[in-house]
Every structure is written in C-alpha cells, then in structure tokens.
C-alpha cells in the first residue's frame, strides 16, 4: 500500500500530519504538529542530533579552508581566527542550539 504524508493547516494555526493512501485517497490524521514545529513534522531533533549536525557542518567549513594552512602559504590573522572560532564552537554558550549569527564569518 503506497502512501504519502503532508501537513494540513488547521484553523487554530497548527497542522495535522496526514497520511494519504494513494490507491483510495483516504486521509488519516496521525499527529498534531504545532505551528512552531512546522519544520519538524517528525519531531524536533534531540540536542545530541543537533550537536552532531553542527559538528559535521563545522568540519565541512574547516575542510573547505584546509588549503589555507598548506606549508607554502601563510594564513592571515583573520583566517587563523576564523578557523579557531570554528574549533571553539562546541564551547559556545548556545551550543548545540546555535543561531545563524553564532557561526563565525568566513574572511574574504
């Protein structure tokens, strides 16, 4: 039985998480999703999951700038500070629930 799910807006501003049976078109509401959780219809990630994702993103940013640290280059102070700020992210006061402005800005 093939099916798909979607969020159906409710009059109160929240959503119903609905499963639709493709063969019959039958809709079944299986969960209420608060408006604040719209981007998390399967539930909010745990702090551990958020931390894991942030570490992966941080590691990608570090890897993208590894070439700055090759032996025949000298990193600018801004580049050194950026890479250090990335390494220090797990000690940030908002960790793991970082806001966009908690991430360091890559120097040009």
PDB file of N, CA and C in Angstrom:
ATOM      1  N   UNK A   1       0.842  -1.170   0.000  1.00  0.00           N
ATOM      2  CA  UNK A   1       0.000   0.000   0.000  1.00  0.00           C
ATOM      3  C   UNK A   1       0.893   1.240   0.000  1.00  0.00           C
ATOM      4  N   UNK A   2       0.816   2.008  -1.070  1.00  0.00           N
ATOM      5  CA  UNK A   2       1.611   3.222  -1.179  1.00  0.00           C
ATOM      6  C   UNK A   2       0.873   4.379  -0.511  1.00  0.00           C
ATOM      7  N   UNK A   3       1.640   5.218   0.147  1.00  0.00           N
ATOM      8  CA  UNK A   3       1.046   6.383   0.798  1.00  0.00           C
ATOM      9  C   UNK A   3       2.065   7.507   0.839  1.00  0.00           C
ATOM     10  N   UNK A   4       1.585   8.685   1.140  1.00  0.00           N
ATOM     11  CA  UNK A   4       2.450   9.833   1.360  1.00  0.00           C
ATOM     12  C   UNK A   4       1.877  10.633   2.518  1.00  0.00           C
ATOM     13  N   UNK A   5       2.677  11.523   3.054  1.00  0.00           N
ATOM     14  CA  UNK A   5       2.223  12.353   4.169  1.00  0.00           C
ATOM     15  C   UNK A   5       2.391  13.826   3.810  1.00  0.00           C
ATOM     16  N   UNK A   6       1.603  14.654   4.471  1.00  0.00           N
ATOM     17  CA  UNK A   6       1.752  16.094   4.325  1.00  0.00           C
ATOM     18  C   UNK A   6       1.176  16.779   5.564  1.00  0.00           C
ATOM     19  N   UNK A   7       1.500  18.057   5.701  1.00  0.00           N
ATOM     20  CA  UNK A   7       0.963  18.853   6.801  1.00  0.00           C
ATOM     21  C   UNK A   7      -0.242  19.625   6.284  1.00  0.00           C
ATOM     22  N   UNK A   8      -1.369  19.450   6.939  1.00  0.00           N
ATOM     23  CA  UNK A   8      -2.608  20.114   6.558  1.00  0.00           C
ATOM     24  C   UNK A   8      -2.882  21.217   7.575  1.00  0.00           C
ATOM     25  N   UNK A   9      -2.969  22.472   7.133  1.00  0.00           N
ATOM     26  CA  UNK A   9      -3.214  23.582   8.073  1.00  0.00           C
ATOM     27  C   UNK A   9      -4.555  23.409   8.793  1.00  0.00           C
ATOM     28  N   UNK A  10      -4.546  23.774  10.066  1.00  0.00           N
ATOM     29  CA  UNK A  10      -5.756  23.748  10.884  1.00  0.00           C
ATOM     30  C   UNK A  10      -6.220  25.181  11.111  1.00  0.00           C
ATOM     31  N   UNK A  11      -7.455  25.347  11.495  1.00  0.00           N
ATOM     32  CA  UNK A  11      -7.993  26.686  11.760  1.00  0.00           C
ATOM     33  C   UNK A  11      -7.291  27.379  12.924  1.00  0.00           C
ATOM     34  N   UNK A  12      -6.757  26.605  13.876  1.00  0.00           N
ATOM     35  CA  UNK A  12      -6.098  27.196  15.039  1.00  0.00           C
ATOM     36  C   UNK A  12      -4.651  27.612  14.766  1.00  0.00           C
ATOM     37  N   UNK A  13      -4.175  27.436  13.507  1.00  0.00           N
ATOM     38  CA  UNK A  13      -2.812  27.825  13.146  1.00  0.00           C
ATOM     39  C   UNK A  13      -1.822  26.689  13.222  1.00  0.00           C
ATOM     40  N   UNK A  14      -2.194  25.580  13.856  1.00  0.00           N
ATOM     41  CA  UNK A  14      -1.332  24.409  13.912  1.00  0.00           C
ATOM     42  C   UNK A  14      -1.578  23.560  12.662  1.00  0.00           C
ATOM     43  N   UNK A  15      -1.060  22.342  12.654  1.00  0.00           N
ATOM     44  CA  UNK A  15      -1.185  21.475  11.487  1.00  0.00           C
ATOM     45  C   UNK A  15      -1.582  20.074  11.915  1.00  0.00           C
ATOM     46  N   UNK A  16      -2.250  19.371  11.011  1.00  0.00           N
ATOM     47  CA  UNK A  16      -2.459  17.942  11.163  1.00  0.00           C
ATOM     48  C   UNK A  16      -1.453  17.256  10.257  1.00  0.00           C
ATOM     49  N   UNK A  17      -0.751  16.251  10.787  1.00  0.00           N
ATOM     50  CA  UNK A  17       0.132  15.435   9.962  1.00  0.00           C
ATOM     51  C   UNK A  17      -0.743  14.324   9.405  1.00  0.00           C
ATOM     52  N   UNK A  18      -0.924  14.329   8.101  1.00  0.00           N
ATOM     53  CA  UNK A  18      -1.894  13.470   7.437  1.00  0.00           C
ATOM     54  C   UNK A  18      -1.182  12.449   6.570  1.00  0.00           C
ATOM     55  N   UNK A  19      -1.644  11.212   6.626  1.00  0.00           N
ATOM     56  CA  UNK A  19      -1.186  10.152   5.730  1.00  0.00           C
ATOM     57  C   UNK A  19      -2.286   9.916   4.700  1.00  0.00           C
ATOM     58  N   UNK A  20      -1.896   9.824   3.436  1.00  0.00           N
ATOM     59  CA  UNK A  20      -2.865   9.620   2.362  1.00  0.00           C
ATOM     60  C   UNK A  20      -2.558   8.291   1.675  1.00  0.00           C
ATOM     61  N   UNK A  21      -3.556   7.412   1.639  1.00  0.00           N
ATOM     62  CA  UNK A  21      -3.448   6.143   0.916  1.00  0.00           C
ATOM     63  C   UNK A  21      -3.623   6.470  -0.570  1.00  0.00           C
ATOM     64  N   UNK A  22      -2.594   6.209  -1.371  1.00  0.00           N
ATOM     65  CA  UNK A  22      -2.610   6.592  -2.780  1.00  0.00           C
ATOM     66  C   UNK A  22      -3.717   5.868  -3.541  1.00  0.00           C
ATOM     67  N   UNK A  23      -3.955   4.612  -3.249  1.00  0.00           N
ATOM     68  CA  UNK A  23      -4.935   3.842  -4.016  1.00  0.00           C
ATOM     69  C   UNK A  23      -6.379   4.268  -3.721  1.00  0.00           C
ATOM     70  N   UNK A  24      -6.660   4.718  -2.501  1.00  0.00           N
ATOM     71  CA  UNK A  24      -8.043   5.070  -2.153  1.00  0.00           C
ATOM     72  C   UNK A  24      -8.257   6.565  -1.958  1.00  0.00           C
ATOM     73  N   UNK A  25      -7.180   7.310  -1.755  1.00  0.00           N
ATOM     74  CA  UNK A  25      -7.300   8.732  -1.457  1.00  0.00           C
ATOM     75  C   UNK A  25      -7.705   9.004  -0.024  1.00  0.00           C
ATOM     76  N   UNK A  26      -7.811   7.935   0.789  1.00  0.00           N
ATOM     77  CA  UNK A  26      -8.215   8.066   2.192  1.00  0.00           C
ATOM     78  C   UNK A  26      -7.139   8.812   2.997  1.00  0.00           C
ATOM     79  N   UNK A  27      -7.558   9.862   3.692  1.00  0.00           N
ATOM     80  CA  UNK A  27      -6.658  10.637   4.544  1.00  0.00           C
ATOM     81  C   UNK A  27      -6.850  10.220   5.991  1.00  0.00           C
ATOM     82  N   UNK A  28      -5.726  10.040   6.691  1.00  0.00           N
ATOM     83  CA  UNK A  28      -5.764   9.702   8.105  1.00  0.00           C
ATOM     84  C   UNK A  28      -4.856  10.659   8.859  1.00  0.00           C
ATOM     85  N   UNK A  29      -5.416  11.374   9.828  1.00  0.00           N
ATOM     86  CA  UNK A  29      -4.618  12.262  10.676  1.00  0.00           C
ATOM     87  C   UNK A  29      -3.958  11.399  11.740  1.00  0.00           C
ATOM     88  N   UNK A  30      -2.629  11.457  11.810  1.00  0.00           N
ATOM     89  CA  UNK A  30      -1.938  10.641  12.809  1.00  0.00           C
ATOM     90  C   UNK A  30      -1.174  11.448  13.829  1.00  0.00           C
ATOM     91  N   UNK A  31      -1.110  12.762  13.649  1.00  0.00           N
ATOM     92  CA  UNK A  31      -0.432  13.586  14.650  1.00  0.00           C
ATOM     93  C   UNK A  31      -0.808  15.043  14.449  1.00  0.00           C
ATOM     94  N   UNK A  32      -0.818  15.771  15.552  1.00  0.00           N
ATOM     95  CA  UNK A  32      -0.964  17.220  15.508  1.00  0.00           C
ATOM     96  C   UNK A  32       0.445  17.804  15.597  1.00  0.00           C
ATOM     97  N   UNK A  33       0.725  18.776  14.746  1.00  0.00           N
ATOM     98  CA  UNK A  33       2.025  19.444  14.748  1.00  0.00           C
ATOM     99  C   UNK A  33       1.790  20.914  15.071  1.00  0.00           C
ATOM    100  N   UNK A  34       2.438  21.389  16.119  1.00  0.00           N
ATOM    101  CA  UNK A  34       2.312  22.799  16.494  1.00  0.00           C
ATOM    102  C   UNK A  34       2.924  23.681  15.422  1.00  0.00           C
ATOM    103  N   UNK A  35       2.374  24.870  15.257  1.00  0.00           N
ATOM    104  CA  UNK A  35       2.885  25.803  14.254  1.00  0.00           C
ATOM    105  C   UNK A  35       4.380  26.053  14.445  1.00  0.00           C
ATOM    106  N   UNK A  36       4.822  26.131  15.702  1.00  0.00           N
ATOM    107  CA  UNK A  36       6.242  26.374  15.994  1.00  0.00           C
ATOM    108  C   UNK A  36       7.122  25.211  15.542  1.00  0.00           C
ATOM    109  N   UNK A  37       6.525  24.034  15.339  1.00  0.00           N
ATOM    110  CA  UNK A  37       7.286  22.843  14.935  1.00  0.00           C
ATOM    111  C   UNK A  37       7.053  22.477  13.481  1.00  0.00           C
ATOM    112  N   UNK A  38       6.557  23.396  12.690  1.00  0.00           N
ATOM    113  CA  UNK A  38       6.235  23.101  11.290  1.00  0.00           C
ATOM    114  C   UNK A  38       7.425  22.511  10.538  1.00  0.00           C
ATOM    115  N   UNK A  39       8.607  23.003  10.803  1.00  0.00           N
ATOM    116  CA  UNK A  39       9.779  22.475  10.089  1.00  0.00           C
ATOM    117  C   UNK A  39      10.236  21.128  10.631  1.00  0.00           C
ATOM    118  N   UNK A  40       9.598  20.640  11.696  1.00  0.00           N
ATOM    119  CA  UNK A  40       9.947  19.352  12.293  1.00  0.00           C
ATOM    120  C   UNK A  40       8.719  18.439  12.374  1.00  0.00           C
ATOM    121  N   UNK A  41       8.103  18.090  11.231  1.00  0.00           N
ATOM    122  CA  UNK A  41       6.872  17.290  11.298  1.00  0.00           C
ATOM    123  C   UNK A  41       7.062  15.907  11.906  1.00  0.00           C
ATOM    124  N   UNK A  42       8.292  15.410  11.950  1.00  0.00           N
ATOM    125  CA  UNK A  42       8.558  14.092  12.549  1.00  0.00           C
ATOM    126  C   UNK A  42       9.104  14.233  13.959  1.00  0.00           C
ATOM    127  N   UNK A  43       9.070  15.458  14.502  1.00  0.00           N
ATOM    128  CA  UNK A  43       9.549  15.702  15.856  1.00  0.00           C
ATOM    129  C   UNK A  43      10.855  16.475  15.841  1.00  0.00           C
ATOM    130  N   UNK A  44      11.044  17.277  16.864  1.00  0.00           N
ATOM    131  CA  UNK A  44      12.279  18.071  16.974  1.00  0.00           C
ATOM    132  C   UNK A  44      13.468  17.144  17.216  1.00  0.00           C
ATOM    133  N   UNK A  45      14.614  17.479  16.605  1.00  0.00           N
ATOM    134  CA  UNK A  45      15.798  16.662  16.876  1.00  0.00           C
ATOM    135  C   UNK A  45      16.269  16.861  18.313  1.00  0.00           C
ATOM    136  N   UNK A  46      16.931  15.849  18.844  1.00  0.00           N
ATOM    137  CA  UNK A  46      17.489  15.954  20.190  1.00  0.00           C
ATOM    138  C   UNK A  46      18.710  16.870  20.150  1.00  0.00           C
ATOM    139  N   UNK A  47      19.139  17.323  21.326  1.00  0.00           N
ATOM    140  CA  UNK A  47      20.354  18.134  21.391  1.00  0.00           C
ATOM    141  C   UNK A  47      21.547  17.362  20.828  1.00  0.00           C
ATOM    142  N   UNK A  48      21.591  16.059  21.064  1.00  0.00           N
ATOM    143  CA  UNK A  48      22.690  15.240  20.544  1.00  0.00           C
ATOM    144  C   UNK A  48      22.676  15.222  19.020  1.00  0.00           C
ATOM    145  N   UNK A  49      21.489  15.136  18.420  1.00  0.00           N
ATOM    146  CA  UNK A  49      21.384  15.146  16.957  1.00  0.00           C
ATOM    147  C   UNK A  49      21.777  16.506  16.385  1.00  0.00           C
ATOM    148  N   UNK A  50      21.358  17.576  17.062  1.00  0.00           N
ATOM    149  CA  UNK A  50      21.722  18.921  16.618  1.00  0.00           C
ATOM    150  C   UNK A  50      23.230  19.112  16.732  1.00  0.00           C
ATOM    151  N   UNK A  51      23.817  18.654  17.834  1.00  0.00           N
ATOM    152  CA  UNK A  51      25.268  18.780  18.023  1.00  0.00           C
ATOM    153  C   UNK A  51      26.014  18.014  16.940  1.00  0.00           C
ATOM    154  N   UNK A  52      25.536  16.813  16.618  1.00  0.00           N
ATOM    155  CA  UNK A  52      26.180  16.012  15.573  1.00  0.00           C
ATOM    156  C   UNK A  52      26.136  16.727  14.228  1.00  0.00           C
ATOM    157  N   UNK A  53      24.988  17.319  13.896  1.00  0.00           N
ATOM    158  CA  UNK A  53      24.858  18.054  12.634  1.00  0.00           C
ATOM    159  C   UNK A  53      25.750  19.295  12.632  1.00  0.00           C
ATOM    160  N   UNK A  54      25.790  20.008  13.756  1.00  0.00           N
ATOM    161  CA  UNK A  54      26.642  21.199  13.835  1.00  0.00           C
ATOM    162  C   UNK A  54      28.116  20.835  13.694  1.00  0.00           C
ATOM    163  N   UNK A  55      28.522  19.732  14.320  1.00  0.00           N
ATOM    164  CA  UNK A  55      29.919  19.301  14.180  1.00  0.00           C
ATOM    165  C   UNK A  55      30.246  18.949  12.729  1.00  0.00           C
ATOM    166  N   UNK A  56      29.318  18.293  12.047  1.00  0.00           N
ATOM    167  CA  UNK A  56      29.539  17.929  10.646  1.00  0.00           C
ATOM    168  C   UNK A  56      29.674  19.188   9.784  1.00  0.00           C
ATOM    169  N   UNK A  57      28.805  20.174  10.029  1.00  0.00           N
ATOM    170  CA  UNK A  57      28.880  21.430   9.280  1.00  0.00           C
ATOM    171  C   UNK A  57      30.179  22.151   9.593  1.00  0.00           C
ATOM    172  N   UNK A  58      30.521  22.215  10.875  1.00  0.00           N
ATOM    173  CA  UNK A  58      31.775  22.853  11.282  1.00  0.00           C
ATOM    174  C   UNK A  58      32.971  22.175  10.623  1.00  0.00           C
ATOM    175  N   UNK A  59      32.976  20.848  10.602  1.00  0.00           N
ATOM    176  CA  UNK A  59      34.077  20.108   9.983  1.00  0.00           C
ATOM    177  C   UNK A  59      34.154  20.371   8.485  1.00  0.00           C
ATOM    178  N   UNK A  60      32.996  20.509   7.836  1.00  0.00           N
ATOM    179  CA  UNK A  60      32.991  20.859   6.409  1.00  0.00           C
ATOM    180  C   UNK A  60      33.626  22.226   6.191  1.00  0.00           C
ATOM    181  N   UNK A  61      33.271  23.197   7.042  1.00  0.00           N
ATOM    182  CA  UNK A  61      33.843  24.542   6.915  1.00  0.00           C
ATOM    183  C   UNK A  61      35.362  24.509   7.136  1.00  0.00           C
ATOM    184  N   UNK A  62      35.802  23.722   8.101  1.00  0.00           N
ATOM    185  CA  UNK A  62      37.243  23.597   8.318  1.00  0.00           C
ATOM    186  C   UNK A  62      37.923  22.953   7.119  1.00  0.00           C
ATOM    187  N   UNK A  63      37.311  21.908   6.598  1.00  0.00           N
ATOM    188  CA  UNK A  63      37.897  21.216   5.449  1.00  0.00           C
ATOM    189  C   UNK A  63      37.984  22.137   4.232  1.00  0.00           C
ATOM    190  N   UNK A  64      36.970  22.983   4.041  1.00  0.00           N
ATOM    191  CA  UNK A  64      36.981  23.927   2.927  1.00  0.00           C
ATOM    192  C   UNK A  64      38.137  24.920   3.024  1.00  0.00           C
ATOM    193  N   UNK A  65      38.642  25.147   4.235  1.00  0.00           N
ATOM    194  CA  UNK A  65      39.717  26.117   4.425  1.00  0.00           C
ATOM    195  C   UNK A  65      41.054  25.462   4.751  1.00  0.00           C
ATOM    196  N   UNK A  66      41.123  24.137   4.681  1.00  0.00           N
ATOM    197  CA  UNK A  66      42.393  23.454   4.950  1.00  0.00           C
ATOM    198  C   UNK A  66      43.508  23.939   4.031  1.00  0.00           C
ATOM    199  N   UNK A  67      43.159  24.297   2.810  1.00  0.00           N
ATOM    200  CA  UNK A  67      44.184  24.740   1.875  1.00  0.00           C
ATOM    201  C   UNK A  67      44.865  26.021   2.337  1.00  0.00           C
ATOM    202  N   UNK A  68      44.209  26.775   3.210  1.00  0.00           N
ATOM    203  CA  UNK A  68      44.839  27.974   3.754  1.00  0.00           C
ATOM    204  C   UNK A  68      46.075  27.618   4.567  1.00  0.00           C
ATOM    205  N   UNK A  69      46.106  26.398   5.101  1.00  0.00           N
ATOM    206  CA  UNK A  69      47.159  26.009   6.042  1.00  0.00           C
ATOM    207  C   UNK A  69      48.249  25.150   5.412  1.00  0.00           C
ATOM    208  N   UNK A  70      48.300  25.081   4.084  1.00  0.00           N
ATOM    209  CA  UNK A  70      49.364  24.296   3.464  1.00  0.00           C
ATOM    210  C   UNK A  70      50.711  24.947   3.745  1.00  0.00           C
ATOM    211  N   UNK A  71      51.753  24.142   3.659  1.00  0.00           N
ATOM    212  CA  UNK A  71      53.072  24.594   4.113  1.00  0.00           C
ATOM    213  C   UNK A  71      53.659  25.763   3.317  1.00  0.00           C
ATOM    214  N   UNK A  72      53.243  25.958   2.087  1.00  0.00           N
ATOM    215  CA  UNK A  72      53.817  27.059   1.303  1.00  0.00           C
ATOM    216  C   UNK A  72      52.948  28.322   1.318  1.00  0.00           C
ATOM    217  N   UNK A  73      52.013  28.403   2.252  1.00  0.00           N
ATOM    218  CA  UNK A  73      51.173  29.584   2.438  1.00  0.00           C
ATOM    219  C   UNK A  73      51.296  30.070   3.873  1.00  0.00           C
ATOM    220  N   UNK A  74      51.007  31.335   4.045  1.00  0.00           N
ATOM    221  CA  UNK A  74      50.920  31.893   5.393  1.00  0.00           C
ATOM    222  C   UNK A  74      49.507  32.429   5.568  1.00  0.00           C
ATOM    223  N   UNK A  75      48.806  31.884   6.556  1.00  0.00           N
ATOM    224  CA  UNK A  75      47.437  32.337   6.801  1.00  0.00           C
ATOM    225  C   UNK A  75      47.446  33.743   7.378  1.00  0.00           C
ATOM    226  N   UNK A  76      46.436  34.510   6.991  1.00  0.00           N
ATOM    227  CA  UNK A  76      46.260  35.825   7.599  1.00  0.00           C
ATOM    228  C   UNK A  76      45.743  35.616   9.020  1.00  0.00           C
ATOM    229  N   UNK A  77      45.811  36.651   9.823  1.00  0.00           N
ATOM    230  CA  UNK A  77      45.279  36.557  11.174  1.00  0.00           C
ATOM    231  C   UNK A  77      43.773  36.281  11.141  1.00  0.00           C
ATOM    232  N   UNK A  78      43.066  36.904  10.191  1.00  0.00           N
ATOM    233  CA  UNK A  78      41.621  36.691  10.068  1.00  0.00           C
ATOM    234  C   UNK A  78      41.318  35.226   9.748  1.00  0.00           C
ATOM    235  N   UNK A  79      42.121  34.614   8.893  1.00  0.00           N
ATOM    236  CA  UNK A  79      41.929  33.204   8.564  1.00  0.00           C
ATOM    237  C   UNK A  79      42.191  32.318   9.785  1.00  0.00           C
ATOM    238  N   UNK A  80      43.260  32.620  10.522  1.00  0.00           N
ATOM    239  CA  UNK A  80      43.558  31.861  11.737  1.00  0.00           C
ATOM    240  C   UNK A  80      42.430  32.003  12.761  1.00  0.00           C
ATOM    241  N   UNK A  81      41.946  33.228  12.924  1.00  0.00           N
ATOM    242  CA  UNK A  81      40.872  33.481  13.891  1.00  0.00           C
ATOM    243  C   UNK A  81      39.592  32.747  13.501  1.00  0.00           C
ATOM    244  N   UNK A  82      39.276  32.731  12.213  1.00  0.00           N
ATOM    245  CA  UNK A  82      38.083  32.045  11.730  1.00  0.00           C
ATOM    246  C   UNK A  82      38.164  30.551  12.022  1.00  0.00           C
ATOM    247  N   UNK A  83      39.286  29.950  11.682  1.00  0.00           N
ATOM    248  CA  UNK A  83      39.449  28.508  11.914  1.00  0.00           C
ATOM    249  C   UNK A  83      39.410  28.189  13.410  1.00  0.00           C
ATOM    250  N   UNK A  84      39.997  29.041  14.230  1.00  0.00           N
ATOM    251  CA  UNK A  84      39.955  28.818  15.676  1.00  0.00           C
ATOM    252  C   UNK A  84      38.526  28.960  16.199  1.00  0.00           C
ATOM    253  N   UNK A  85      37.803  29.951  15.679  1.00  0.00           N
ATOM    254  CA  UNK A  85      36.408  30.142  16.107  1.00  0.00           C
ATOM    255  C   UNK A  85      35.559  28.921  15.736  1.00  0.00           C
ATOM    256  N   UNK A  86      35.832  28.321  14.588  1.00  0.00           N
ATOM    257  CA  UNK A  86      35.118  27.099  14.218  1.00  0.00           C
ATOM    258  C   UNK A  86      35.438  25.974  15.200  1.00  0.00           C
ATOM    259  N   UNK A  87      36.709  25.830  15.556  1.00  0.00           N
ATOM    260  CA  UNK A  87      37.100  24.780  16.503  1.00  0.00           C
ATOM    261  C   UNK A  87      36.482  25.016  17.884  1.00  0.00           C
ATOM    262  N   UNK A  88      36.275  26.286  18.232  1.00  0.00           N
ATOM    263  CA  UNK A  88      35.737  26.631  19.555  1.00  0.00           C
ATOM    264  C   UNK A  88      34.209  26.582  19.635  1.00  0.00           C
ATOM    265  N   UNK A  89      33.524  26.345  18.535  1.00  0.00           N
ATOM    266  CA  UNK A  89      32.060  26.364  18.548  1.00  0.00           C
ATOM    267  C   UNK A  89      31.429  25.473  19.623  1.00  0.00           C
ATOM    268  N   UNK A  90      31.945  24.269  19.885  1.00  0.00           N
ATOM    269  CA  UNK A  90      31.305  23.440  20.920  1.00  0.00           C
ATOM    270  C   UNK A  90      31.360  24.043  22.327  1.00  0.00           C
ATOM    271  N   UNK A  91      32.148  25.083  22.528  1.00  0.00           N
ATOM    272  CA  UNK A  91      32.194  25.741  23.834  1.00  0.00           C
ATOM    273  C   UNK A  91      31.313  27.001  23.861  1.00  0.00           C
ATOM    274  N   UNK A  92      30.639  27.294  22.741  1.00  0.00           N
ATOM    275  CA  UNK A  92      29.769  28.473  22.650  1.00  0.00           C
ATOM    276  C   UNK A  92      28.620  28.340  23.645  1.00  0.00           C
ATOM    277  N   UNK A  93      28.198  29.442  24.213  1.00  0.00           N
ATOM    278  CA  UNK A  93      27.142  29.406  25.233  1.00  0.00           C
ATOM    279  C   UNK A  93      25.814  28.864  24.693  1.00  0.00           C
ATOM    280  N   UNK A  94      25.556  28.959  23.409  1.00  0.00           N
ATOM    281  CA  UNK A  94      24.308  28.449  22.829  1.00  0.00           C
ATOM    282  C   UNK A  94      24.420  27.012  22.319  1.00  0.00           C
ATOM    283  N   UNK A  95      25.593  26.410  22.405  1.00  0.00           N
ATOM    284  CA  UNK A  95      25.796  25.063  21.875  1.00  0.00           C
ATOM    285  C   UNK A  95      24.834  24.081  22.526  1.00  0.00           C
ATOM    286  N   UNK A  96      24.187  23.212  21.791  1.00  0.00           N
ATOM    287  CA  UNK A  96      24.289  22.991  20.351  1.00  0.00           C
ATOM    288  C   UNK A  96      23.256  23.776  19.546  1.00  0.00           C
ATOM    289  N   UNK A  97      22.414  24.543  20.214  1.00  0.00           N
ATOM    290  CA  UNK A  97      21.325  25.247  19.524  1.00  0.00           C
ATOM    291  C   UNK A  97      21.787  26.622  19.054  1.00  0.00           C
ATOM    292  N   UNK A  98      22.684  26.601  18.073  1.00  0.00           N
ATOM    293  CA  UNK A  98      23.281  27.829  17.581  1.00  0.00           C
ATOM    294  C   UNK A  98      22.325  28.592  16.673  1.00  0.00           C
ATOM    295  N   UNK A  99      22.399  29.909  16.758  1.00  0.00           N
ATOM    296  CA  UNK A  99      21.696  30.781  15.825  1.00  0.00           C
ATOM    297  C   UNK A  99      22.637  31.064  14.662  1.00  0.00           C
ATOM    298  N   UNK A 100      22.100  31.577  13.580  1.00  0.00           N
ATOM    299  CA  UNK A 100      22.927  31.864  12.404  1.00  0.00           C
ATOM    300  C   UNK A 100      24.079  32.806  12.747  1.00  0.00           C
ATOM    301  N   UNK A 101      23.828  33.785  13.604  1.00  0.00           N
ATOM    302  CA  UNK A 101      24.884  34.748  13.936  1.00  0.00           C
ATOM    303  C   UNK A 101      25.873  34.219  14.973  1.00  0.00           C
ATOM    304  N   UNK A 102      25.667  33.013  15.480  1.00  0.00           N
ATOM    305  CA  UNK A 102      26.642  32.391  16.382  1.00  0.00           C
ATOM    306  C   UNK A 102      27.815  31.783  15.599  1.00  0.00           C
ATOM    307  N   UNK A 103      27.602  31.526  14.321  1.00  0.00           N
ATOM    308  CA  UNK A 103      28.654  30.952  13.491  1.00  0.00           C
ATOM    309  C   UNK A 103      29.626  32.055  13.066  1.00  0.00           C
ATOM    310  N   UNK A 104      30.927  31.758  13.065  1.00  0.00           N
ATOM    311  CA  UNK A 104      31.885  32.782  12.652  1.00  0.00           C
ATOM    312  C   UNK A 104      31.726  33.118  11.164  1.00  0.00           C
ATOM    313  N   UNK A 105      32.082  34.339  10.818  1.00  0.00           N
ATOM    314  CA  UNK A 105      32.007  34.792   9.429  1.00  0.00           C
ATOM    315  C   UNK A 105      33.335  34.511   8.736  1.00  0.00           C
ATOM    316  N   UNK A 106      33.246  33.829   7.612  1.00  0.00           N
ATOM    317  CA  UNK A 106      34.454  33.486   6.857  1.00  0.00           C
ATOM    318  C   UNK A 106      35.060  34.763   6.281  1.00  0.00           C
ATOM    319  N   UNK A 107      36.359  34.943   6.491  1.00  0.00           N
ATOM    320  CA  UNK A 107      37.000  36.144   5.934  1.00  0.00           C
ATOM    321  C   UNK A 107      37.098  36.055   4.418  1.00  0.00           C
ATOM    322  N   UNK A 108      37.133  37.208   3.784  1.00  0.00           N
ATOM    323  CA  UNK A 108      37.213  37.222   2.318  1.00  0.00           C
ATOM    324  C   UNK A 108      38.634  37.090   1.839  1.00  0.00           C
TER     325      UNK A 108
END
